[in-house]
Each structure stands twice: as C-alpha cells, then as structure tokens.
PDB file of all heavy atoms in Angstrom:
ATOM      1  N   VAL A   1      22.143   7.425  -5.809  1.00  0.00           N
ATOM      2  CA  VAL A   1      21.370   7.352  -7.049  1.00  0.00           C
ATOM      3  C   VAL A   1      20.790   8.738  -7.309  1.00  0.00           C
ATOM      4  O   VAL A   1      20.338   9.416  -6.381  1.00  0.00           O
ATOM      5  CB  VAL A   1      20.256   6.303  -6.946  1.00  0.00           C
ATOM      6  CG1 VAL A   1      19.308   6.388  -8.136  1.00  0.00           C
ATOM      7  CG2 VAL A   1      20.850   4.909  -6.843  1.00  0.00           C
ATOM      8  N   TYR A   2      20.809   9.137  -8.565  1.00  0.00           N
ATOM      9  CA  TYR A   2      20.346  10.465  -8.956  1.00  0.00           C
ATOM     10  C   TYR A   2      19.108  10.366  -9.853  1.00  0.00           C
ATOM     11  O   TYR A   2      18.939   9.397 -10.596  1.00  0.00           O
ATOM     12  CB  TYR A   2      21.438  11.203  -9.724  1.00  0.00           C
ATOM     13  CG  TYR A   2      22.747  11.293  -8.994  1.00  0.00           C
ATOM     14  CD1 TYR A   2      23.778  10.401  -9.279  1.00  0.00           C
ATOM     15  CD2 TYR A   2      22.954  12.265  -8.027  1.00  0.00           C
ATOM     16  CE1 TYR A   2      24.984  10.481  -8.603  1.00  0.00           C
ATOM     17  CE2 TYR A   2      24.165  12.347  -7.347  1.00  0.00           C
ATOM     18  CZ  TYR A   2      25.170  11.454  -7.640  1.00  0.00           C
ATOM     19  OH  TYR A   2      26.359  11.535  -6.970  1.00  0.00           O
ATOM     20  N   LEU A   3      18.300  11.399  -9.785  1.00  0.00           N
ATOM     21  CA  LEU A   3      17.201  11.550 -10.730  1.00  0.00           C
ATOM     22  C   LEU A   3      17.302  12.959 -11.299  1.00  0.00           C
ATOM     23  O   LEU A   3      17.015  13.938 -10.600  1.00  0.00           O
ATOM     24  CB  LEU A   3      15.845  11.331 -10.066  1.00  0.00           C
ATOM     25  CG  LEU A   3      14.643  11.393 -11.012  1.00  0.00           C
ATOM     26  CD1 LEU A   3      14.668  10.188 -11.970  1.00  0.00           C
ATOM     27  CD2 LEU A   3      13.329  11.417 -10.239  1.00  0.00           C
ATOM     28  N   GLN A   4      17.767  13.031 -12.541  1.00  0.00           N
ATOM     29  CA  GLN A   4      17.860  14.310 -13.239  1.00  0.00           C
ATOM     30  C   GLN A   4      16.512  14.589 -13.893  1.00  0.00           C
ATOM     31  O   GLN A   4      16.034  13.770 -14.691  1.00  0.00           O
ATOM     32  CB  GLN A   4      18.963  14.270 -14.294  1.00  0.00           C
ATOM     33  CG  GLN A   4      19.067  15.529 -15.141  1.00  0.00           C
ATOM     34  CD  GLN A   4      19.531  16.727 -14.345  1.00  0.00           C
ATOM     35  OE1 GLN A   4      20.426  16.628 -13.528  1.00  0.00           O
ATOM     36  NE2 GLN A   4      18.921  17.894 -14.610  1.00  0.00           N
ATOM     37  N   MET A   5      15.931  15.721 -13.556  1.00  0.00           N
ATOM     38  CA  MET A   5      14.596  16.054 -14.055  1.00  0.00           C
ATOM     39  C   MET A   5      14.687  17.326 -14.891  1.00  0.00           C
ATOM     40  O   MET A   5      15.022  18.397 -14.373  1.00  0.00           O
ATOM     41  CB  MET A   5      13.631  16.249 -12.885  1.00  0.00           C
ATOM     42  CG  MET A   5      13.556  15.045 -11.965  1.00  0.00           C
ATOM     43  SD  MET A   5      12.381  15.239 -10.618  1.00  0.00           S
ATOM     44  CE  MET A   5      13.251  16.452  -9.622  1.00  0.00           C
ATOM     45  N   ASP A   6      14.429  17.187 -16.161  1.00  0.00           N
ATOM     46  CA  ASP A   6      14.477  18.321 -17.098  1.00  0.00           C
ATOM     47  C   ASP A   6      13.084  18.613 -17.643  1.00  0.00           C
ATOM     48  O   ASP A   6      12.194  17.768 -17.600  1.00  0.00           O
ATOM     49  CB  ASP A   6      15.425  17.991 -18.250  1.00  0.00           C
ATOM     50  CG  ASP A   6      16.842  17.763 -17.791  1.00  0.00           C
ATOM     51  OD1 ASP A   6      17.308  18.515 -16.905  1.00  0.00           O
ATOM     52  OD2 ASP A   6      17.499  16.845 -18.309  1.00  0.00           O
ATOM     53  N   ASN A   7      12.933  19.823 -18.175  1.00  0.00           N
ATOM     54  CA  ASN A   7      11.653  20.234 -18.751  1.00  0.00           C
ATOM     55  C   ASN A   7      10.499  19.938 -17.794  1.00  0.00           C
ATOM     56  O   ASN A   7       9.495  19.328 -18.170  1.00  0.00           O
ATOM     57  CB  ASN A   7      11.426  19.534 -20.092  1.00  0.00           C
ATOM     58  CG  ASN A   7      10.272  20.119 -20.876  1.00  0.00           C
ATOM     59  OD1 ASN A   7       9.860  21.250 -20.636  1.00  0.00           O
ATOM     60  ND2 ASN A   7       9.736  19.343 -21.810  1.00  0.00           N
ATOM     61  N   LEU A   8      10.665  20.369 -16.564  1.00  0.00           N
ATOM     62  CA  LEU A   8       9.674  20.076 -15.535  1.00  0.00           C
ATOM     63  C   LEU A   8       8.347  20.772 -15.813  1.00  0.00           C
ATOM     64  O   LEU A   8       8.300  21.868 -16.389  1.00  0.00           O
ATOM     65  CB  LEU A   8      10.212  20.489 -14.163  1.00  0.00           C
ATOM     66  CG  LEU A   8      11.220  19.501 -13.568  1.00  0.00           C
ATOM     67  CD1 LEU A   8      12.077  20.169 -12.508  1.00  0.00           C
ATOM     68  CD2 LEU A   8      10.496  18.297 -12.993  1.00  0.00           C
ATOM     69  N   ARG A   9       7.295  20.104 -15.392  1.00  0.00           N
ATOM     70  CA  ARG A   9       5.928  20.588 -15.582  1.00  0.00           C
ATOM     71  C   ARG A   9       5.255  20.742 -14.224  1.00  0.00           C
ATOM     72  O   ARG A   9       5.629  20.049 -13.265  1.00  0.00           O
ATOM     73  CB  ARG A   9       5.138  19.595 -16.428  1.00  0.00           C
ATOM     74  CG  ARG A   9       5.763  19.272 -17.773  1.00  0.00           C
ATOM     75  CD  ARG A   9       5.105  18.067 -18.401  1.00  0.00           C
ATOM     76  NE  ARG A   9       5.680  17.728 -19.701  1.00  0.00           N
ATOM     77  CZ  ARG A   9       5.430  16.589 -20.347  1.00  0.00           C
ATOM     78  NH1 ARG A   9       4.606  15.695 -19.814  1.00  0.00           N
ATOM     79  NH2 ARG A   9       6.007  16.369 -21.523  1.00  0.00           N
ATOM     80  N   PRO A  10       4.236  21.572 -14.121  1.00  0.00           N
ATOM     81  CA  PRO A  10       3.526  21.701 -12.838  1.00  0.00           C
ATOM     82  C   PRO A  10       2.998  20.372 -12.322  1.00  0.00           C
ATOM     83  O   PRO A  10       2.972  20.145 -11.098  1.00  0.00           O
ATOM     84  CB  PRO A  10       2.394  22.671 -13.177  1.00  0.00           C
ATOM     85  CG  PRO A  10       2.946  23.520 -14.275  1.00  0.00           C
ATOM     86  CD  PRO A  10       3.790  22.593 -15.095  1.00  0.00           C
ATOM     87  N   GLU A  11       2.628  19.482 -13.220  1.00  0.00           N
ATOM     88  CA  GLU A  11       2.099  18.177 -12.785  1.00  0.00           C
ATOM     89  C   GLU A  11       3.186  17.258 -12.223  1.00  0.00           C
ATOM     90  O   GLU A  11       2.874  16.181 -11.714  1.00  0.00           O
ATOM     91  CB  GLU A  11       1.358  17.478 -13.928  1.00  0.00           C
ATOM     92  CG  GLU A  11       2.161  17.323 -15.192  1.00  0.00           C
ATOM     93  CD  GLU A  11       1.863  18.429 -16.212  1.00  0.00           C
ATOM     94  OE1 GLU A  11       1.708  19.601 -15.791  1.00  0.00           O
ATOM     95  OE2 GLU A  11       1.803  18.107 -17.417  1.00  0.00           O
ATOM     96  N   ASP A  12       4.441  17.662 -12.287  1.00  0.00           N
ATOM     97  CA  ASP A  12       5.525  16.908 -11.652  1.00  0.00           C
ATOM     98  C   ASP A  12       5.644  17.249 -10.175  1.00  0.00           C
ATOM     99  O   ASP A  12       6.429  16.628  -9.445  1.00  0.00           O
ATOM    100  CB  ASP A  12       6.857  17.195 -12.334  1.00  0.00           C
ATOM    101  CG  ASP A  12       6.902  16.701 -13.773  1.00  0.00           C
ATOM    102  OD1 ASP A  12       6.423  15.587 -14.032  1.00  0.00           O
ATOM    103  OD2 ASP A  12       7.426  17.441 -14.623  1.00  0.00           O
ATOM    104  N   THR A  13       4.898  18.237  -9.716  1.00  0.00           N
ATOM    105  CA  THR A  13       4.935  18.629  -8.306  1.00  0.00           C
ATOM    106  C   THR A  13       4.497  17.476  -7.420  1.00  0.00           C
ATOM    107  O   THR A  13       3.420  16.911  -7.607  1.00  0.00           O
ATOM    108  CB  THR A  13       4.026  19.848  -8.064  1.00  0.00           C
ATOM    109  OG1 THR A  13       4.552  20.971  -8.794  1.00  0.00           O
ATOM    110  CG2 THR A  13       3.951  20.190  -6.591  1.00  0.00           C
ATOM    111  N   ALA A  14       5.348  17.120  -6.462  1.00  0.00           N
ATOM    112  CA  ALA A  14       5.075  15.978  -5.579  1.00  0.00           C
ATOM    113  C   ALA A  14       6.215  15.844  -4.578  1.00  0.00           C
ATOM    114  O   ALA A  14       7.252  16.503  -4.708  1.00  0.00           O
ATOM    115  CB  ALA A  14       4.955  14.688  -6.387  1.00  0.00           C
ATOM    116  N   VAL A  15       6.010  14.973  -3.611  1.00  0.00           N
ATOM    117  CA  VAL A  15       7.118  14.517  -2.774  1.00  0.00           C
ATOM    118  C   VAL A  15       7.740  13.321  -3.489  1.00  0.00           C
ATOM    119  O   VAL A  15       7.023  12.386  -3.864  1.00  0.00           O
ATOM    120  CB  VAL A  15       6.644  14.126  -1.370  1.00  0.00           C
ATOM    121  CG1 VAL A  15       7.821  13.604  -0.548  1.00  0.00           C
ATOM    122  CG2 VAL A  15       6.006  15.322  -0.672  1.00  0.00           C
ATOM    123  N   TYR A  16       9.033  13.373  -3.662  1.00  0.00           N
ATOM    124  CA  TYR A  16       9.753  12.311  -4.359  1.00  0.00           C
ATOM    125  C   TYR A  16      10.471  11.427  -3.339  1.00  0.00           C
ATOM    126  O   TYR A  16      11.204  11.932  -2.481  1.00  0.00           O
ATOM    127  CB  TYR A  16      10.749  12.906  -5.347  1.00  0.00           C
ATOM    128  CG  TYR A  16      10.082  13.409  -6.601  1.00  0.00           C
ATOM    129  CD1 TYR A  16       9.265  14.534  -6.576  1.00  0.00           C
ATOM    130  CD2 TYR A  16      10.228  12.744  -7.809  1.00  0.00           C
ATOM    131  CE1 TYR A  16       8.628  14.979  -7.720  1.00  0.00           C
ATOM    132  CE2 TYR A  16       9.600  13.182  -8.962  1.00  0.00           C
ATOM    133  CZ  TYR A  16       8.802  14.299  -8.913  1.00  0.00           C
ATOM    134  OH  TYR A  16       8.158  14.731 -10.052  1.00  0.00           O
ATOM    135  N   TYR A  17      10.253  10.124  -3.466  1.00  0.00           N
ATOM    136  CA  TYR A  17      10.824   9.144  -2.566  1.00  0.00           C
ATOM    137  C   TYR A  17      11.744   8.194  -3.338  1.00  0.00           C
ATOM    138  O   TYR A  17      11.416   7.792  -4.455  1.00  0.00           O
ATOM    139  CB  TYR A  17       9.734   8.300  -1.929  1.00  0.00           C
ATOM    140  CG  TYR A  17       8.729   9.048  -1.105  1.00  0.00           C
ATOM    141  CD1 TYR A  17       7.568   9.560  -1.686  1.00  0.00           C
ATOM    142  CD2 TYR A  17       8.920   9.234   0.261  1.00  0.00           C
ATOM    143  CE1 TYR A  17       6.630  10.241  -0.926  1.00  0.00           C
ATOM    144  CE2 TYR A  17       7.984   9.912   1.030  1.00  0.00           C
ATOM    145  CZ  TYR A  17       6.848  10.417   0.432  1.00  0.00           C
ATOM    146  OH  TYR A  17       5.920  11.079   1.189  1.00  0.00           O
ATOM    147  N   CYS A  18      12.847   7.824  -2.713  1.00  0.00           N
ATOM    148  CA  CYS A  18      13.624   6.736  -3.278  1.00  0.00           C
ATOM    149  C   CYS A  18      13.413   5.488  -2.432  1.00  0.00           C
ATOM    150  O   CYS A  18      13.066   5.571  -1.242  1.00  0.00           O
ATOM    151  CB  CYS A  18      15.112   7.083  -3.403  1.00  0.00           C
ATOM    152  SG  CYS A  18      15.991   7.259  -1.852  1.00  0.00           S
ATOM    153  N   ALA A  19      13.616   4.355  -3.061  1.00  0.00           N
ATOM    154  CA  ALA A  19      13.430   3.074  -2.400  1.00  0.00           C
ATOM    155  C   ALA A  19      14.462   2.102  -2.931  1.00  0.00           C
ATOM    156  O   ALA A  19      14.921   2.242  -4.076  1.00  0.00           O
ATOM    157  CB  ALA A  19      12.028   2.553  -2.665  1.00  0.00           C
ATOM    158  N   SER A  20      14.818   1.126  -2.108  1.00  0.00           N
ATOM    159  CA  SER A  20      15.812   0.160  -2.570  1.00  0.00           C
ATOM    160  C   SER A  20      15.469  -1.240  -2.102  1.00  0.00           C
ATOM    161  O   SER A  20      14.702  -1.441  -1.140  1.00  0.00           O
ATOM    162  CB  SER A  20      17.219   0.558  -2.085  1.00  0.00           C
ATOM    163  OG  SER A  20      17.410   0.218  -0.721  1.00  0.00           O
ATOM    164  N   LYS A  21      16.068  -2.195  -2.800  1.00  0.00           N
ATOM    165  CA  LYS A  21      15.873  -3.604  -2.474  1.00  0.00           C
ATOM    166  C   LYS A  21      17.119  -4.361  -2.915  1.00  0.00           C
ATOM    167  O   LYS A  21      17.614  -4.151  -4.030  1.00  0.00           O
ATOM    168  CB  LYS A  21      14.655  -4.169  -3.203  1.00  0.00           C
ATOM    169  CG  LYS A  21      14.475  -5.670  -3.031  1.00  0.00           C
ATOM    170  CD  LYS A  21      13.308  -6.187  -3.830  1.00  0.00           C
ATOM    171  CE  LYS A  21      13.256  -7.698  -3.846  1.00  0.00           C
ATOM    172  NZ  LYS A  21      13.078  -8.267  -2.494  1.00  0.00           N
ATOM    173  N   ARG A  22      17.602  -5.227  -2.054  1.00  0.00           N
ATOM    174  CA  ARG A  22      18.743  -6.049  -2.445  1.00  0.00           C
ATOM    175  C   ARG A  22      18.300  -7.017  -3.542  1.00  0.00           C
ATOM    176  O   ARG A  22      17.259  -7.660  -3.431  1.00  0.00           O
ATOM    177  CB  ARG A  22      19.286  -6.827  -1.250  1.00  0.00           C
ATOM    178  CG  ARG A  22      20.626  -7.460  -1.531  1.00  0.00           C
ATOM    179  CD  ARG A  22      21.249  -8.015  -0.284  1.00  0.00           C
ATOM    180  NE  ARG A  22      20.480  -9.126   0.256  1.00  0.00           N
ATOM    181  CZ  ARG A  22      20.870  -9.861   1.293  1.00  0.00           C
ATOM    182  NH1 ARG A  22      22.002  -9.572   1.889  1.00  0.00           N
ATOM    183  NH2 ARG A  22      20.135 -10.840   1.730  1.00  0.00           N
ATOM    184  N   THR A  23      19.102  -7.108  -4.600  1.00  0.00           N
ATOM    185  CA  THR A  23      18.724  -7.940  -5.738  1.00  0.00           C
ATOM    186  C   THR A  23      19.925  -8.730  -6.228  1.00  0.00           C
ATOM    187  O   THR A  23      21.060  -8.445  -5.865  1.00  0.00           O
ATOM    188  CB  THR A  23      18.216  -7.083  -6.915  1.00  0.00           C
ATOM    189  OG1 THR A  23      19.313  -6.339  -7.462  1.00  0.00           O
ATOM    190  CG2 THR A  23      17.128  -6.126  -6.486  1.00  0.00           C
ATOM    191  N   ILE A  24      19.633  -9.711  -7.091  1.00  0.00           N
ATOM    192  CA  ILE A  24      20.713 -10.372  -7.808  1.00  0.00           C
ATOM    193  C   ILE A  24      21.001  -9.589  -9.074  1.00  0.00           C
ATOM    194  O   ILE A  24      20.235  -8.703  -9.457  1.00  0.00           O
ATOM    195  CB  ILE A  24      20.378 -11.842  -8.129  1.00  0.00           C
ATOM    196  CG1 ILE A  24      19.112 -11.930  -9.018  1.00  0.00           C
ATOM    197  CG2 ILE A  24      20.190 -12.626  -6.841  1.00  0.00           C
ATOM    198  CD1 ILE A  24      18.793 -13.360  -9.452  1.00  0.00           C
ATOM    199  N   LEU A  25      22.104  -9.923  -9.730  1.00  0.00           N
ATOM    200  CA  LEU A  25      22.598  -9.072 -10.804  1.00  0.00           C
ATOM    201  C   LEU A  25      21.689  -9.036 -12.021  1.00  0.00           C
ATOM    202  O   LEU A  25      21.631  -8.032 -12.725  1.00  0.00           O
ATOM    203  CB  LEU A  25      23.996  -9.540 -11.204  1.00  0.00           C
ATOM    204  CG  LEU A  25      24.832  -8.596 -12.061  1.00  0.00           C
ATOM    205  CD1 LEU A  25      25.009  -7.260 -11.357  1.00  0.00           C
ATOM    206  CD2 LEU A  25      26.167  -9.218 -12.380  1.00  0.00           C
ATOM    207  N   THR A  26      20.952 -10.106 -12.291  1.00  0.00           N
ATOM    208  CA  THR A  26      20.268 -10.226 -13.576  1.00  0.00           C
ATOM    209  C   THR A  26      18.817  -9.765 -13.582  1.00  0.00           C
ATOM    210  O   THR A  26      18.178  -9.792 -14.624  1.00  0.00           O
ATOM    211  CB  THR A  26      20.300 -11.696 -14.040  1.00  0.00           C
ATOM    212  OG1 THR A  26      19.714 -12.510 -13.021  1.00  0.00           O
ATOM    213  CG2 THR A  26      21.733 -12.137 -14.302  1.00  0.00           C
ATOM    214  N   VAL A  27      18.269  -9.329 -12.458  1.00  0.00           N
ATOM    215  CA  VAL A  27      16.860  -8.946 -12.467  1.00  0.00           C
ATOM    216  C   VAL A  27      16.684  -7.583 -13.109  1.00  0.00           C
ATOM    217  O   VAL A  27      17.562  -6.724 -13.019  1.00  0.00           O
ATOM    218  CB  VAL A  27      16.274  -8.937 -11.044  1.00  0.00           C
ATOM    219  CG1 VAL A  27      16.313 -10.323 -10.444  1.00  0.00           C
ATOM    220  CG2 VAL A  27      16.983  -7.933 -10.161  1.00  0.00           C
ATOM    221  N   PRO A  28      15.546  -7.356 -13.766  1.00  0.00           N
ATOM    222  CA  PRO A  28      15.264  -6.045 -14.354  1.00  0.00           C
ATOM    223  C   PRO A  28      14.882  -5.040 -13.267  1.00  0.00           C
ATOM    224  O   PRO A  28      14.685  -5.429 -12.113  1.00  0.00           O
ATOM    225  CB  PRO A  28      14.082  -6.336 -15.287  1.00  0.00           C
ATOM    226  CG  PRO A  28      13.403  -7.501 -14.663  1.00  0.00           C
ATOM    227  CD  PRO A  28      14.501  -8.331 -14.049  1.00  0.00           C
ATOM    228  N   PRO A  29      14.753  -3.778 -13.627  1.00  0.00           N
ATOM    229  CA  PRO A  29      14.360  -2.778 -12.620  1.00  0.00           C
ATOM    230  C   PRO A  29      12.966  -3.066 -12.069  1.00  0.00           C
ATOM    231  O   PRO A  29      12.060  -3.452 -12.807  1.00  0.00           O
ATOM    232  CB  PRO A  29      14.364  -1.465 -13.394  1.00  0.00           C
ATOM    233  CG  PRO A  29      15.127  -1.723 -14.632  1.00  0.00           C
ATOM    234  CD  PRO A  29      14.995  -3.161 -14.933  1.00  0.00           C
ATOM    235  N   TYR A  30      12.785  -2.844 -10.762  1.00  0.00           N
ATOM    236  CA  TYR A  30      11.469  -3.023 -10.161  1.00  0.00           C
ATOM    237  C   TYR A  30      10.644  -1.759 -10.328  1.00  0.00           C
ATOM    238  O   TYR A  30      11.087  -0.676  -9.977  1.00  0.00           O
ATOM    239  CB  TYR A  30      11.611  -3.311  -8.668  1.00  0.00           C
ATOM    240  CG  TYR A  30      12.258  -4.631  -8.345  1.00  0.00           C
ATOM    241  CD1 TYR A  30      13.541  -4.691  -7.823  1.00  0.00           C
ATOM    242  CD2 TYR A  30      11.590  -5.831  -8.547  1.00  0.00           C
ATOM    243  CE1 TYR A  30      14.145  -5.895  -7.514  1.00  0.00           C
ATOM    244  CE2 TYR A  30      12.183  -7.046  -8.246  1.00  0.00           C
ATOM    245  CZ  TYR A  30      13.462  -7.063  -7.730  1.00  0.00           C
ATOM    246  OH  TYR A  30      14.055  -8.255  -7.426  1.00  0.00           O
ATOM    247  N   ILE A  31       9.422  -1.905 -10.821  1.00  0.00           N
ATOM    248  CA  ILE A  31       8.545  -0.736 -10.976  1.00  0.00           C
ATOM    249  C   ILE A  31       7.393  -0.745  -9.979  1.00  0.00           C
ATOM    250  O   ILE A  31       6.647   0.219  -9.880  1.00  0.00           O
ATOM    251  CB  ILE A  31       8.001  -0.621 -12.415  1.00  0.00           C
ATOM    252  CG1 ILE A  31       7.110  -1.816 -12.743  1.00  0.00           C
ATOM    253  CG2 ILE A  31       9.147  -0.540 -13.422  1.00  0.00           C
ATOM    254  CD1 ILE A  31       6.415  -1.663 -14.089  1.00  0.00           C
ATOM    255  N   ASP A  32       7.273  -1.838  -9.233  1.00  0.00           N
ATOM    256  CA  ASP A  32       6.193  -1.977  -8.262  1.00  0.00           C
ATOM    257  C   ASP A  32       6.698  -1.540  -6.891  1.00  0.00           C
ATOM    258  O   ASP A  32       7.698  -2.064  -6.392  1.00  0.00           O
ATOM    259  CB  ASP A  32       5.736  -3.436  -8.221  1.00  0.00           C
ATOM    260  CG  ASP A  32       4.658  -3.653  -7.170  1.00  0.00           C
ATOM    261  OD1 ASP A  32       4.037  -2.659  -6.738  1.00  0.00           O
ATOM    262  OD2 ASP A  32       4.429  -4.815  -6.790  1.00  0.00           O
ATOM    263  N   ALA A  33       5.993  -0.590  -6.258  1.00  0.00           N
ATOM    264  CA  ALA A  33       6.419  -0.088  -4.943  1.00  0.00           C
ATOM    265  C   ALA A  33       6.493  -1.197  -3.910  1.00  0.00           C
ATOM    266  O   ALA A  33       7.351  -1.164  -3.018  1.00  0.00           O
ATOM    267  CB  ALA A  33       5.466   1.004  -4.469  1.00  0.00           C
ATOM    268  N   GLY A  34       5.614  -2.186  -4.023  1.00  0.00           N
ATOM    269  CA  GLY A  34       5.587  -3.278  -3.072  1.00  0.00           C
ATOM    270  C   GLY A  34       6.818  -4.170  -3.126  1.00  0.00           C
ATOM    271  O   GLY A  34       7.049  -4.959  -2.205  1.00  0.00           O
ATOM    272  N   SER A  35       7.628  -4.037  -4.172  1.00  0.00           N
ATOM    273  CA  SER A  35       8.840  -4.849  -4.297  1.00  0.00           C
ATOM    274  C   SER A  35       9.983  -4.332  -3.433  1.00  0.00           C
ATOM    275  O   SER A  35      10.953  -5.029  -3.197  1.00  0.00           O
ATOM    276  CB  SER A  35       9.304  -4.883  -5.752  1.00  0.00           C
ATOM    277  OG  SER A  35       8.328  -5.474  -6.583  1.00  0.00           O
ATOM    278  N   TYR A  36       9.898  -3.095  -2.984  1.00  0.00           N
ATOM    279  CA  TYR A  36      11.013  -2.451  -2.301  1.00  0.00           C
ATOM    280  C   TYR A  36      10.976  -2.653  -0.794  1.00  0.00           C
ATOM    281  O   TYR A  36       9.919  -2.715  -0.183  1.00  0.00           O
ATOM    282  CB  TYR A  36      11.045  -0.958  -2.639  1.00  0.00           C
ATOM    283  CG  TYR A  36      11.496  -0.722  -4.062  1.00  0.00           C
ATOM    284  CD1 TYR A  36      10.574  -0.624  -5.106  1.00  0.00           C
ATOM    285  CD2 TYR A  36      12.857  -0.637  -4.366  1.00  0.00           C
ATOM    286  CE1 TYR A  36      11.001  -0.446  -6.415  1.00  0.00           C
ATOM    287  CE2 TYR A  36      13.285  -0.446  -5.665  1.00  0.00           C
ATOM    288  CZ  TYR A  36      12.356  -0.348  -6.694  1.00  0.00           C
ATOM    289  OH  TYR A  36      12.780  -0.179  -7.979  1.00  0.00           O
ATOM    290  N   GLU A  37      12.187  -2.738  -0.221  1.00  0.00           N
ATOM    291  CA  GLU A  37      12.330  -2.993   1.215  1.00  0.00           C
ATOM    292  C   GLU A  37      12.563  -1.733   2.030  1.00  0.00           C
ATOM    293  O   GLU A  37      12.116  -1.624   3.169  1.00  0.00           O
ATOM    294  CB  GLU A  37      13.517  -3.926   1.450  1.00  0.00           C
ATOM    295  CG  GLU A  37      13.384  -5.295   0.795  1.00  0.00           C
ATOM    296  CD  GLU A  37      14.669  -6.094   0.933  1.00  0.00           C
ATOM    297  OE1 GLU A  37      15.621  -5.814   0.177  1.00  0.00           O
ATOM    298  OE2 GLU A  37      14.717  -6.979   1.799  1.00  0.00           O
ATOM    299  N   TYR A  38      13.317  -0.801   1.464  1.00  0.00           N
ATOM    300  CA  TYR A  38      13.739   0.368   2.219  1.00  0.00           C
ATOM    301  C   TYR A  38      13.278   1.634   1.507  1.00  0.00           C
ATOM    302  O   TYR A  38      13.327   1.706   0.280  1.00  0.00           O
ATOM    303  CB  TYR A  38      15.263   0.395   2.364  1.00  0.00           C
ATOM    304  CG  TYR A  38      15.821  -0.870   2.956  1.00  0.00           C
ATOM    305  CD1 TYR A  38      16.450  -1.820   2.162  1.00  0.00           C
ATOM    306  CD2 TYR A  38      15.708  -1.108   4.324  1.00  0.00           C
ATOM    307  CE1 TYR A  38      16.951  -2.981   2.708  1.00  0.00           C
ATOM    308  CE2 TYR A  38      16.213  -2.271   4.879  1.00  0.00           C
ATOM    309  CZ  TYR A  38      16.827  -3.204   4.069  1.00  0.00           C
ATOM    310  OH  TYR A  38      17.319  -4.355   4.619  1.00  0.00           O
ATOM    311  N   TRP A  39      12.866   2.603   2.308  1.00  0.00           N
ATOM    312  CA  TRP A  39      12.344   3.853   1.764  1.00  0.00           C
ATOM    313  C   TRP A  39      12.970   5.046   2.483  1.00  0.00           C
ATOM    314  O   TRP A  39      13.237   4.994   3.676  1.00  0.00           O
ATOM    315  CB  TRP A  39      10.823   3.924   1.944  1.00  0.00           C
ATOM    316  CG  TRP A  39      10.083   2.982   1.060  1.00  0.00           C
ATOM    317  CD1 TRP A  39       9.851   1.653   1.286  1.00  0.00           C
ATOM    318  CD2 TRP A  39       9.495   3.271  -0.206  1.00  0.00           C
ATOM    319  NE1 TRP A  39       9.154   1.107   0.239  1.00  0.00           N
ATOM    320  CE2 TRP A  39       8.914   2.087  -0.690  1.00  0.00           C
ATOM    321  CE3 TRP A  39       9.383   4.438  -0.976  1.00  0.00           C
ATOM    322  CZ2 TRP A  39       8.235   2.013  -1.910  1.00  0.00           C
ATOM    323  CZ3 TRP A  39       8.713   4.380  -2.185  1.00  0.00           C
ATOM    324  CH2 TRP A  39       8.145   3.175  -2.645  1.00  0.00           C
ATOM    325  N   GLY A  40      13.154   6.123   1.719  1.00  0.00           N
ATOM    326  CA  GLY A  40      13.575   7.378   2.320  1.00  0.00           C
ATOM    327  C   GLY A  40      12.372   8.174   2.792  1.00  0.00           C
ATOM    328  O   GLY A  40      11.226   7.756   2.627  1.00  0.00           O
ATOM    329  N   GLN A  41      12.652   9.338   3.361  1.00  0.00           N
ATOM    330  CA  GLN A  41      11.597  10.192   3.909  1.00  0.00           C
ATOM    331  C   GLN A  41      10.993  11.122   2.860  1.00  0.00           C
ATOM    332  O   GLN A  41       9.935  11.718   3.106  1.00  0.00           O
ATOM    333  CB  GLN A  41      12.146  11.013   5.073  1.00  0.00           C
ATOM    334  CG  GLN A  41      12.535  10.173   6.266  1.00  0.00           C
ATOM    335  CD  GLN A  41      11.362   9.384   6.797  1.00  0.00           C
ATOM    336  OE1 GLN A  41      10.307   9.933   7.127  1.00  0.00           O
ATOM    337  NE2 GLN A  41      11.508   8.063   6.882  1.00  0.00           N
ATOM    338  N   GLY A  42      11.639  11.265   1.740  1.00  0.00           N
ATOM    339  CA  GLY A  42      11.082  12.081   0.667  1.00  0.00           C
ATOM    340  C   GLY A  42      11.650  13.484   0.608  1.00  0.00           C
ATOM    341  O   GLY A  42      12.137  14.019   1.606  1.00  0.00           O
TER     342      GLY A  42
END
C-alpha cells in the first residue's frame, strides 16, 4: 500500500505508521486506530 504525499507542509512532520486488519469485502475504510490488528514500526 502506498501513500503519495504532495505539497507537504512542516506540520506533516511525523512518524508514519501503516496498519492492517482482515476485513470482508463490503466494509468501508477504517479510520479508528483501535480497529486495526497489525502495525508496522513506522
């Protein structure tokens, strides 16, 4: 999975983490961190 970041601003400075969760096909994207099962190191 990719995150293309354009027109970056100083306030975008951070450690960026990806997370994933097994889902069924029809669910919308999860926006709550607590919904995710697996996390990267950033």
